[in-house]
Amino acid sequence: MIYFYPVPKGIKLEELEVYRVAMEIGEIVWVIVDKWAYFPKKTLGSQYVEAADSIAMNISEGYGRFHFKENKNFCYYSRGSAKETLTATNKAKARKLITEEDFVLLSHKLDNYFRLIYGYINSIGTKSEQ
C-alpha cells in the first residue's frame, strides 16, 4: 500500500489559502469580542473566540499528522468549529453585539472558508493499493 499525503512536499501550512482565511476569521472575531462588555464577553464571547480560533488550529493539527485520515478528521473538526462560529456570529447580530459591517465581513469570510475546506478535504490523499 502507498499513502499519498495531503500536500506536495515543500508547501508550508502558511501557504494554504484555507489556513490563511481561517487565521483571518479568528483575528476578526478576537477584535470584535475584545470590545464587548464583561457579561457578553464572558458568556457568548469566550466561546465565540474559542470556536473561531479552533478553525485554524484544527487545520494546523491535521496538517502535522502522519496519516491522511487523521488530517481529514481534523479538517472535519475545523469545519465544525466554523459552523459554531457562524452560529455565534448570528447570535451576536441578534443581540446587537456586532455591527452590520462586521457581520457581512465574517459571513463572507466564513462562506469562503467553507468553499476552501471542502476543496482541501477532497484534495487530501487516499489509500491506494499498488
N, C-alpha and C. Protein backbone atom coordinates (compact mmCIF):
# COMPACT_ATOMS: atom_id res chain seq x y z
N MET A 1 0.83 -1.18 0.00
CA MET A 1 0.00 0.00 0.00
C MET A 1 0.88 1.25 0.00
N ILE A 2 0.40 2.24 -0.70
CA ILE A 2 1.08 3.53 -0.74
C ILE A 2 0.12 4.56 -0.16
N TYR A 3 0.64 5.45 0.66
CA TYR A 3 -0.18 6.51 1.21
C TYR A 3 0.23 7.83 0.57
N PHE A 4 -0.75 8.54 0.07
CA PHE A 4 -0.50 9.83 -0.54
C PHE A 4 -0.79 10.90 0.50
N TYR A 5 0.12 11.79 0.69
CA TYR A 5 -0.02 12.80 1.73
C TYR A 5 -0.77 14.01 1.19
N PRO A 6 -1.31 14.81 2.08
CA PRO A 6 -2.26 15.85 1.70
C PRO A 6 -1.72 16.96 0.83
N VAL A 7 -0.49 17.31 0.94
CA VAL A 7 0.05 18.40 0.15
C VAL A 7 1.42 18.01 -0.37
N PRO A 8 1.79 18.51 -1.53
CA PRO A 8 3.12 18.20 -2.05
C PRO A 8 4.21 18.70 -1.12
N LYS A 9 5.33 18.01 -1.12
CA LYS A 9 6.47 18.44 -0.31
C LYS A 9 6.84 19.86 -0.66
N GLY A 10 7.22 20.60 0.35
CA GLY A 10 7.66 21.97 0.13
C GLY A 10 6.57 23.00 0.33
N ILE A 11 5.30 22.59 0.38
CA ILE A 11 4.23 23.55 0.64
C ILE A 11 4.07 23.68 2.15
N LYS A 12 4.20 24.88 2.62
CA LYS A 12 4.09 25.15 4.05
C LYS A 12 2.64 25.38 4.43
N LEU A 13 2.34 25.10 5.66
CA LEU A 13 0.99 25.32 6.18
C LEU A 13 0.51 26.73 5.90
N GLU A 14 1.38 27.71 6.11
CA GLU A 14 1.04 29.11 5.94
C GLU A 14 0.72 29.47 4.48
N GLU A 15 1.07 28.60 3.55
CA GLU A 15 0.78 28.84 2.14
C GLU A 15 -0.60 28.33 1.73
N LEU A 16 -1.25 27.56 2.58
CA LEU A 16 -2.58 27.06 2.27
C LEU A 16 -3.60 28.18 2.46
N GLU A 17 -4.36 28.47 1.41
CA GLU A 17 -5.34 29.56 1.48
C GLU A 17 -6.38 29.29 2.56
N VAL A 18 -6.81 28.05 2.70
CA VAL A 18 -7.82 27.74 3.71
C VAL A 18 -7.31 28.07 5.11
N TYR A 19 -6.04 27.83 5.35
CA TYR A 19 -5.43 28.15 6.65
C TYR A 19 -5.37 29.66 6.85
N ARG A 20 -4.98 30.39 5.81
CA ARG A 20 -4.88 31.85 5.93
C ARG A 20 -6.25 32.48 6.21
N VAL A 21 -7.28 31.99 5.53
CA VAL A 21 -8.63 32.51 5.76
C VAL A 21 -9.08 32.17 7.18
N ALA A 22 -8.80 30.96 7.63
CA ALA A 22 -9.16 30.56 8.99
C ALA A 22 -8.46 31.45 10.02
N MET A 23 -7.21 31.78 9.78
CA MET A 23 -6.49 32.67 10.69
C MET A 23 -7.14 34.06 10.72
N GLU A 24 -7.54 34.55 9.56
CA GLU A 24 -8.20 35.86 9.49
C GLU A 24 -9.49 35.87 10.30
N ILE A 25 -10.27 34.81 10.18
CA ILE A 25 -11.54 34.72 10.91
C ILE A 25 -11.30 34.82 12.41
N GLY A 26 -10.33 34.08 12.89
CA GLY A 26 -10.00 34.13 14.32
C GLY A 26 -9.61 35.52 14.79
N GLU A 27 -8.82 36.21 13.98
CA GLU A 27 -8.38 37.56 14.36
C GLU A 27 -9.54 38.56 14.33
N ILE A 28 -10.40 38.45 13.34
CA ILE A 28 -11.56 39.35 13.25
C ILE A 28 -12.45 39.17 14.47
N VAL A 29 -12.73 37.91 14.82
CA VAL A 29 -13.59 37.64 15.98
C VAL A 29 -12.94 38.17 17.25
N TRP A 30 -11.65 37.98 17.39
CA TRP A 30 -10.94 38.48 18.59
C TRP A 30 -11.13 39.99 18.75
N VAL A 31 -10.92 40.73 17.68
CA VAL A 31 -11.04 42.20 17.72
C VAL A 31 -12.46 42.61 18.08
N ILE A 32 -13.44 41.92 17.53
CA ILE A 32 -14.84 42.24 17.81
C ILE A 32 -15.17 41.98 19.28
N VAL A 33 -14.86 40.79 19.77
CA VAL A 33 -15.23 40.39 21.12
C VAL A 33 -14.46 41.19 22.17
N ASP A 34 -13.25 41.57 21.85
CA ASP A 34 -12.42 42.34 22.80
C ASP A 34 -13.10 43.65 23.22
N LYS A 35 -13.98 44.18 22.39
CA LYS A 35 -14.66 45.45 22.67
C LYS A 35 -15.93 45.28 23.50
N TRP A 36 -16.39 44.06 23.70
CA TRP A 36 -17.65 43.83 24.39
C TRP A 36 -17.53 44.07 25.88
N ALA A 37 -18.67 44.33 26.50
CA ALA A 37 -18.75 44.47 27.96
C ALA A 37 -18.53 43.09 28.61
N TYR A 38 -18.36 43.11 29.92
CA TYR A 38 -18.00 41.89 30.64
C TYR A 38 -18.98 40.73 30.44
N PHE A 39 -20.27 40.95 30.65
CA PHE A 39 -21.21 39.84 30.59
C PHE A 39 -21.27 39.17 29.22
N PRO A 40 -21.47 39.92 28.12
CA PRO A 40 -21.47 39.24 26.82
C PRO A 40 -20.13 38.60 26.49
N LYS A 41 -19.03 39.23 26.92
CA LYS A 41 -17.70 38.67 26.65
C LYS A 41 -17.53 37.35 27.39
N LYS A 42 -18.01 37.30 28.63
CA LYS A 42 -17.86 36.09 29.46
C LYS A 42 -18.75 34.96 28.96
N THR A 43 -19.93 35.27 28.48
CA THR A 43 -20.87 34.23 28.07
C THR A 43 -20.64 33.83 26.62
N LEU A 44 -21.18 34.57 25.69
CA LEU A 44 -21.04 34.25 24.27
C LEU A 44 -19.62 34.47 23.77
N GLY A 45 -18.99 35.54 24.22
CA GLY A 45 -17.70 35.96 23.68
C GLY A 45 -16.59 34.94 23.81
N SER A 46 -16.45 34.35 24.99
CA SER A 46 -15.34 33.41 25.18
C SER A 46 -15.50 32.18 24.29
N GLN A 47 -16.72 31.69 24.14
CA GLN A 47 -16.95 30.53 23.28
C GLN A 47 -16.79 30.90 21.81
N TYR A 48 -17.18 32.11 21.47
CA TYR A 48 -17.06 32.63 20.10
C TYR A 48 -15.58 32.66 19.69
N VAL A 49 -14.74 33.22 20.53
CA VAL A 49 -13.30 33.30 20.24
C VAL A 49 -12.70 31.90 20.18
N GLU A 50 -13.08 31.05 21.11
CA GLU A 50 -12.54 29.69 21.13
C GLU A 50 -12.90 28.94 19.85
N ALA A 51 -14.14 29.06 19.41
CA ALA A 51 -14.57 28.38 18.18
C ALA A 51 -13.83 28.94 16.97
N ALA A 52 -13.75 30.27 16.88
CA ALA A 52 -13.09 30.90 15.74
C ALA A 52 -11.60 30.54 15.68
N ASP A 53 -10.94 30.52 16.83
CA ASP A 53 -9.52 30.15 16.87
C ASP A 53 -9.32 28.68 16.52
N SER A 54 -10.28 27.87 16.89
CA SER A 54 -10.20 26.43 16.66
C SER A 54 -10.24 26.07 15.18
N ILE A 55 -10.79 26.94 14.35
CA ILE A 55 -10.86 26.67 12.91
C ILE A 55 -9.45 26.46 12.37
N ALA A 56 -8.58 27.43 12.59
CA ALA A 56 -7.20 27.34 12.09
C ALA A 56 -6.38 26.32 12.86
N MET A 57 -6.61 26.23 14.17
CA MET A 57 -5.80 25.29 14.97
C MET A 57 -6.04 23.84 14.57
N ASN A 58 -7.26 23.50 14.21
CA ASN A 58 -7.52 22.13 13.78
C ASN A 58 -6.92 21.84 12.41
N ILE A 59 -6.94 22.82 11.51
CA ILE A 59 -6.26 22.63 10.22
C ILE A 59 -4.77 22.38 10.47
N SER A 60 -4.21 23.17 11.35
CA SER A 60 -2.79 23.05 11.67
C SER A 60 -2.46 21.68 12.29
N GLU A 61 -3.29 21.26 13.22
CA GLU A 61 -3.03 19.96 13.85
C GLU A 61 -3.13 18.82 12.84
N GLY A 62 -4.14 18.87 11.99
CA GLY A 62 -4.28 17.84 10.97
C GLY A 62 -3.12 17.83 10.00
N TYR A 63 -2.66 19.02 9.63
CA TYR A 63 -1.54 19.16 8.70
C TYR A 63 -0.29 18.49 9.25
N GLY A 64 -0.15 18.51 10.56
CA GLY A 64 1.03 17.94 11.19
C GLY A 64 0.93 16.44 11.48
N ARG A 65 -0.19 15.85 11.18
CA ARG A 65 -0.38 14.42 11.43
C ARG A 65 0.24 13.58 10.32
N PHE A 66 0.58 12.35 10.66
CA PHE A 66 1.27 11.46 9.72
C PHE A 66 0.34 10.90 8.65
N HIS A 67 -0.83 10.47 9.03
CA HIS A 67 -1.70 9.75 8.12
C HIS A 67 -2.80 10.65 7.57
N PHE A 68 -3.15 10.46 6.30
CA PHE A 68 -4.14 11.32 5.66
C PHE A 68 -5.49 11.27 6.34
N LYS A 69 -5.86 10.13 6.92
CA LYS A 69 -7.16 10.02 7.60
C LYS A 69 -7.21 10.94 8.81
N GLU A 70 -6.10 11.05 9.53
CA GLU A 70 -6.06 11.96 10.68
C GLU A 70 -6.19 13.40 10.22
N ASN A 71 -5.53 13.74 9.13
CA ASN A 71 -5.63 15.10 8.59
C ASN A 71 -7.08 15.42 8.25
N LYS A 72 -7.75 14.49 7.57
CA LYS A 72 -9.16 14.71 7.22
C LYS A 72 -10.01 14.88 8.47
N ASN A 73 -9.79 14.06 9.48
CA ASN A 73 -10.58 14.18 10.71
C ASN A 73 -10.44 15.56 11.33
N PHE A 74 -9.22 16.08 11.36
CA PHE A 74 -9.03 17.41 11.95
C PHE A 74 -9.64 18.50 11.06
N CYS A 75 -9.70 18.25 9.76
CA CYS A 75 -10.42 19.19 8.88
C CYS A 75 -11.91 19.17 9.19
N TYR A 76 -12.45 18.01 9.50
CA TYR A 76 -13.87 17.93 9.89
C TYR A 76 -14.10 18.68 11.20
N TYR A 77 -13.16 18.56 12.15
CA TYR A 77 -13.28 19.32 13.41
C TYR A 77 -13.23 20.82 13.12
N SER A 78 -12.34 21.21 12.21
CA SER A 78 -12.23 22.61 11.82
C SER A 78 -13.55 23.10 11.25
N ARG A 79 -14.14 22.30 10.38
CA ARG A 79 -15.42 22.67 9.77
C ARG A 79 -16.50 22.79 10.84
N GLY A 80 -16.49 21.91 11.82
CA GLY A 80 -17.45 22.01 12.93
C GLY A 80 -17.26 23.28 13.72
N SER A 81 -16.02 23.66 13.97
CA SER A 81 -15.75 24.91 14.68
C SER A 81 -16.20 26.12 13.87
N ALA A 82 -16.08 26.03 12.55
CA ALA A 82 -16.56 27.11 11.69
C ALA A 82 -18.07 27.23 11.75
N LYS A 83 -18.78 26.10 11.80
CA LYS A 83 -20.24 26.13 11.94
C LYS A 83 -20.62 26.77 13.28
N GLU A 84 -19.88 26.44 14.33
CA GLU A 84 -20.12 27.04 15.64
C GLU A 84 -19.86 28.55 15.59
N THR A 85 -18.82 28.95 14.89
CA THR A 85 -18.51 30.37 14.72
C THR A 85 -19.62 31.08 13.97
N LEU A 86 -20.15 30.43 12.96
CA LEU A 86 -21.27 31.01 12.20
C LEU A 86 -22.49 31.21 13.10
N THR A 87 -22.79 30.24 13.93
CA THR A 87 -23.91 30.36 14.87
C THR A 87 -23.67 31.49 15.85
N ALA A 88 -22.46 31.60 16.36
CA ALA A 88 -22.13 32.69 17.30
C ALA A 88 -22.23 34.04 16.61
N THR A 89 -21.85 34.10 15.36
CA THR A 89 -21.97 35.35 14.59
C THR A 89 -23.43 35.75 14.48
N ASN A 90 -24.29 34.80 14.20
CA ASN A 90 -25.72 35.07 14.11
C ASN A 90 -26.31 35.49 15.46
N LYS A 91 -25.86 34.84 16.53
CA LYS A 91 -26.32 35.22 17.87
C LYS A 91 -25.85 36.63 18.22
N ALA A 92 -24.60 36.94 17.88
CA ALA A 92 -24.06 38.28 18.17
C ALA A 92 -24.85 39.35 17.41
N LYS A 93 -25.23 39.06 16.20
CA LYS A 93 -26.03 40.01 15.42
C LYS A 93 -27.41 40.19 16.06
N ALA A 94 -28.04 39.08 16.41
CA ALA A 94 -29.38 39.14 17.02
C ALA A 94 -29.36 39.91 18.34
N ARG A 95 -28.25 39.85 19.06
CA ARG A 95 -28.12 40.53 20.35
C ARG A 95 -27.52 41.93 20.21
N LYS A 96 -27.34 42.35 18.96
CA LYS A 96 -26.80 43.68 18.65
C LYS A 96 -25.41 43.91 19.27
N LEU A 97 -24.59 42.85 19.22
CA LEU A 97 -23.23 42.92 19.73
C LEU A 97 -22.21 43.12 18.61
N ILE A 98 -22.69 43.01 17.37
CA ILE A 98 -21.80 43.08 16.21
C ILE A 98 -22.42 44.04 15.20
N THR A 99 -21.58 44.82 14.56
CA THR A 99 -22.09 45.77 13.56
C THR A 99 -22.50 45.00 12.30
N GLU A 100 -23.34 45.63 11.50
CA GLU A 100 -23.75 45.03 10.23
C GLU A 100 -22.53 44.81 9.33
N GLU A 101 -21.62 45.76 9.35
CA GLU A 101 -20.40 45.66 8.54
C GLU A 101 -19.56 44.44 8.95
N ASP A 102 -19.37 44.24 10.26
CA ASP A 102 -18.60 43.08 10.73
C ASP A 102 -19.35 41.78 10.46
N PHE A 103 -20.67 41.82 10.58
CA PHE A 103 -21.47 40.64 10.28
C PHE A 103 -21.30 40.22 8.82
N VAL A 104 -21.36 41.17 7.93
CA VAL A 104 -21.21 40.88 6.50
C VAL A 104 -19.79 40.38 6.22
N LEU A 105 -18.79 41.03 6.80
CA LEU A 105 -17.40 40.61 6.61
C LEU A 105 -17.20 39.17 7.06
N LEU A 106 -17.65 38.85 8.27
CA LEU A 106 -17.48 37.49 8.77
C LEU A 106 -18.28 36.48 7.97
N SER A 107 -19.47 36.85 7.55
CA SER A 107 -20.28 35.95 6.74
C SER A 107 -19.57 35.60 5.43
N HIS A 108 -18.97 36.61 4.80
CA HIS A 108 -18.23 36.36 3.56
C HIS A 108 -16.98 35.52 3.81
N LYS A 109 -16.26 35.82 4.89
CA LYS A 109 -15.06 35.04 5.21
C LYS A 109 -15.42 33.58 5.48
N LEU A 110 -16.52 33.37 6.22
CA LEU A 110 -16.93 32.00 6.51
C LEU A 110 -17.41 31.28 5.26
N ASP A 111 -18.14 31.96 4.38
CA ASP A 111 -18.55 31.35 3.11
C ASP A 111 -17.32 30.91 2.32
N ASN A 112 -16.33 31.77 2.25
CA ASN A 112 -15.09 31.45 1.54
C ASN A 112 -14.39 30.27 2.20
N TYR A 113 -14.32 30.28 3.53
CA TYR A 113 -13.70 29.18 4.26
C TYR A 113 -14.38 27.85 3.92
N PHE A 114 -15.72 27.82 3.94
CA PHE A 114 -16.43 26.56 3.67
C PHE A 114 -16.12 26.06 2.26
N ARG A 115 -16.06 26.96 1.31
CA ARG A 115 -15.70 26.57 -0.06
C ARG A 115 -14.29 25.97 -0.08
N LEU A 116 -13.37 26.62 0.60
CA LEU A 116 -11.98 26.17 0.61
C LEU A 116 -11.79 24.86 1.38
N ILE A 117 -12.47 24.71 2.51
CA ILE A 117 -12.24 23.50 3.32
C ILE A 117 -12.79 22.27 2.60
N TYR A 118 -13.91 22.42 1.90
CA TYR A 118 -14.42 21.27 1.14
C TYR A 118 -13.42 20.87 0.06
N GLY A 119 -12.84 21.84 -0.61
CA GLY A 119 -11.83 21.54 -1.62
C GLY A 119 -10.58 20.93 -1.01
N TYR A 120 -10.16 21.45 0.12
CA TYR A 120 -8.97 20.92 0.79
C TYR A 120 -9.20 19.48 1.24
N ILE A 121 -10.35 19.21 1.84
CA ILE A 121 -10.66 17.85 2.28
C ILE A 121 -10.63 16.89 1.09
N ASN A 122 -11.21 17.31 -0.01
CA ASN A 122 -11.22 16.46 -1.21
C ASN A 122 -9.84 16.27 -1.80
N SER A 123 -8.92 17.18 -1.54
CA SER A 123 -7.57 17.07 -2.08
C SER A 123 -6.66 16.18 -1.24
N ILE A 124 -7.08 15.92 -0.02
CA ILE A 124 -6.24 15.11 0.87
C ILE A 124 -6.24 13.68 0.36
N GLY A 125 -5.06 13.08 0.38
CA GLY A 125 -4.83 11.78 -0.24
C GLY A 125 -5.76 10.67 0.18
N THR A 126 -5.67 9.59 -0.53
CA THR A 126 -6.43 8.39 -0.23
C THR A 126 -5.50 7.19 -0.24
N LYS A 127 -5.97 6.14 0.33
CA LYS A 127 -5.19 4.90 0.35
C LYS A 127 -5.33 4.23 -1.00
N SER A 128 -4.23 3.78 -1.53
CA SER A 128 -4.27 3.13 -2.84
C SER A 128 -3.41 1.88 -2.79
N GLU A 129 -3.92 0.83 -3.38
CA GLU A 129 -3.13 -0.40 -3.43
C GLU A 129 -2.31 -0.41 -4.71
N GLN A 130 -1.10 -0.88 -4.57
CA GLN A 130 -0.21 -0.93 -5.72
C GLN A 130 -0.37 -2.22 -6.47
